[in-house]
């Protein structure tokens, strides 16, 4: 099972992690300099939930946004 929400399809997002050195001009420095840029992955907040899917109980991965919005009917 992949790392995505089975209700809305929210998945991983690629972004950059930017490291900086120095003091900001606003705080009296000469400015911030970028020293390295490396890739990183932003992951969604997924929860494994027992839910009703097509009339049967099933364990699915759901993002917390869908849980809070009530898009999933939990089964205990």
C-alpha atoms as a PDB file:
ATOM      1  CA  UNK A   1       0.000   0.000   0.000  1.00  0.00           C
ATOM      2  CA  UNK A   2       1.465   3.321  -1.060  1.00  0.00           C
ATOM      3  CA  UNK A   3       1.809   6.440   1.076  1.00  0.00           C
ATOM      4  CA  UNK A   4      -1.347   8.323   0.038  1.00  0.00           C
ATOM      5  CA  UNK A   5      -4.851   9.006   1.314  1.00  0.00           C
ATOM      6  CA  UNK A   6      -7.380   6.587  -0.155  1.00  0.00           C
ATOM      7  CA  UNK A   7     -10.178   9.182   0.042  1.00  0.00           C
ATOM      8  CA  UNK A   8      -8.711  12.371  -1.454  1.00  0.00           C
ATOM      9  CA  UNK A   9      -5.472  11.013  -2.966  1.00  0.00           C
ATOM     10  CA  UNK A  10      -3.155  13.314  -1.000  1.00  0.00           C
ATOM     11  CA  UNK A  11       0.420  12.019  -1.225  1.00  0.00           C
ATOM     12  CA  UNK A  12       4.074  12.961  -0.863  1.00  0.00           C
ATOM     13  CA  UNK A  13       5.398  16.349  -1.970  1.00  0.00           C
ATOM     14  CA  UNK A  14       8.988  17.115  -2.958  1.00  0.00           C
ATOM     15  CA  UNK A  15      10.563  20.308  -1.619  1.00  0.00           C
ATOM     16  CA  UNK A  16      13.960  21.831  -0.922  1.00  0.00           C
ATOM     17  CA  UNK A  17      15.673  22.205   2.431  1.00  0.00           C
ATOM     18  CA  UNK A  18      17.644  25.467   2.299  1.00  0.00           C
ATOM     19  CA  UNK A  19      20.451  25.987   4.826  1.00  0.00           C
ATOM     20  CA  UNK A  20      21.549  29.539   5.515  1.00  0.00           C
ATOM     21  CA  UNK A  21      24.427  31.142   7.389  1.00  0.00           C
ATOM     22  CA  UNK A  22      24.811  34.646   8.777  1.00  0.00           C
ATOM     23  CA  UNK A  23      22.725  37.281  10.474  1.00  0.00           C
ATOM     24  CA  UNK A  24      19.768  38.980   8.816  1.00  0.00           C
ATOM     25  CA  UNK A  25      20.155  42.609   7.685  1.00  0.00           C
ATOM     26  CA  UNK A  26      17.092  43.480   9.749  1.00  0.00           C
ATOM     27  CA  UNK A  27      18.966  42.357  12.868  1.00  0.00           C
ATOM     28  CA  UNK A  28      22.157  44.274  12.063  1.00  0.00           C
ATOM     29  CA  UNK A  29      24.048  41.720   9.982  1.00  0.00           C
ATOM     30  CA  UNK A  30      25.266  41.714   6.383  1.00  0.00           C
ATOM     31  CA  UNK A  31      22.596  39.301   5.183  1.00  0.00           C
ATOM     32  CA  UNK A  32      21.911  35.582   5.082  1.00  0.00           C
ATOM     33  CA  UNK A  33      23.839  33.404   2.628  1.00  0.00           C
ATOM     34  CA  UNK A  34      22.628  30.081   1.265  1.00  0.00           C
ATOM     35  CA  UNK A  35      25.224  27.391   1.930  1.00  0.00           C
ATOM     36  CA  UNK A  36      23.442  24.283   0.620  1.00  0.00           C
ATOM     37  CA  UNK A  37      20.179  23.160  -0.898  1.00  0.00           C
ATOM     38  CA  UNK A  38      19.128  19.538  -0.539  1.00  0.00           C
ATOM     39  CA  UNK A  39      15.925  17.790  -1.493  1.00  0.00           C
ATOM     40  CA  UNK A  40      13.460  16.474   1.039  1.00  0.00           C
ATOM     41  CA  UNK A  41      10.048  14.836   1.086  1.00  0.00           C
ATOM     42  CA  UNK A  42       7.001  16.274   2.836  1.00  0.00           C
ATOM     43  CA  UNK A  43       4.689  13.456   3.909  1.00  0.00           C
ATOM     44  CA  UNK A  44       0.952  13.661   4.662  1.00  0.00           C
ATOM     45  CA  UNK A  45      -0.394  12.876   8.139  1.00  0.00           C
ATOM     46  CA  UNK A  46      -1.949   9.473   7.438  1.00  0.00           C
ATOM     47  CA  UNK A  47      -3.784   7.275   9.925  1.00  0.00           C
ATOM     48  CA  UNK A  48      -4.782   3.640   9.553  1.00  0.00           C
ATOM     49  CA  UNK A  49      -8.526   3.481  10.191  1.00  0.00           C
ATOM     50  CA  UNK A  50     -11.166   0.750  10.117  1.00  0.00           C
ATOM     51  CA  UNK A  51     -13.900   2.154   7.889  1.00  0.00           C
ATOM     52  CA  UNK A  52     -16.921   1.111   5.881  1.00  0.00           C
ATOM     53  CA  UNK A  53     -15.949   0.719   2.228  1.00  0.00           C
ATOM     54  CA  UNK A  54     -18.618  -0.565  -0.191  1.00  0.00           C
ATOM     55  CA  UNK A  55     -20.639  -2.009   2.694  1.00  0.00           C
ATOM     56  CA  UNK A  56     -17.786  -3.972   4.304  1.00  0.00           C
ATOM     57  CA  UNK A  57     -15.229  -3.263   7.013  1.00  0.00           C
ATOM     58  CA  UNK A  58     -11.793  -2.430   5.666  1.00  0.00           C
ATOM     59  CA  UNK A  59      -8.569  -0.991   7.055  1.00  0.00           C
ATOM     60  CA  UNK A  60      -7.510   2.018   4.956  1.00  0.00           C
ATOM     61  CA  UNK A  61      -5.037   4.893   5.183  1.00  0.00           C
ATOM     62  CA  UNK A  62      -6.780   8.250   5.539  1.00  0.00           C
ATOM     63  CA  UNK A  63      -5.352  11.753   5.996  1.00  0.00           C
ATOM     64  CA  UNK A  64      -6.418  13.650   9.111  1.00  0.00           C
ATOM     65  CA  UNK A  65      -8.098  16.337   7.012  1.00  0.00           C
ATOM     66  CA  UNK A  66     -10.575  13.779   5.649  1.00  0.00           C
ATOM     67  CA  UNK A  67     -11.121  12.325   9.140  1.00  0.00           C
ATOM     68  CA  UNK A  68     -11.947  15.741  10.618  1.00  0.00           C
ATOM     69  CA  UNK A  69     -14.225  16.610   7.691  1.00  0.00           C
ATOM     70  CA  UNK A  70     -16.260  13.424   8.280  1.00  0.00           C
ATOM     71  CA  UNK A  71     -15.612  11.925   4.845  1.00  0.00           C
ATOM     72  CA  UNK A  72     -14.950   8.515   6.452  1.00  0.00           C
ATOM     73  CA  UNK A  73     -17.379   6.478   8.533  1.00  0.00           C
ATOM     74  CA  UNK A  74     -15.349   4.769  11.277  1.00  0.00           C
ATOM     75  CA  UNK A  75     -16.216   1.227  12.364  1.00  0.00           C
ATOM     76  CA  UNK A  76     -15.232  -0.135  15.776  1.00  0.00           C
END
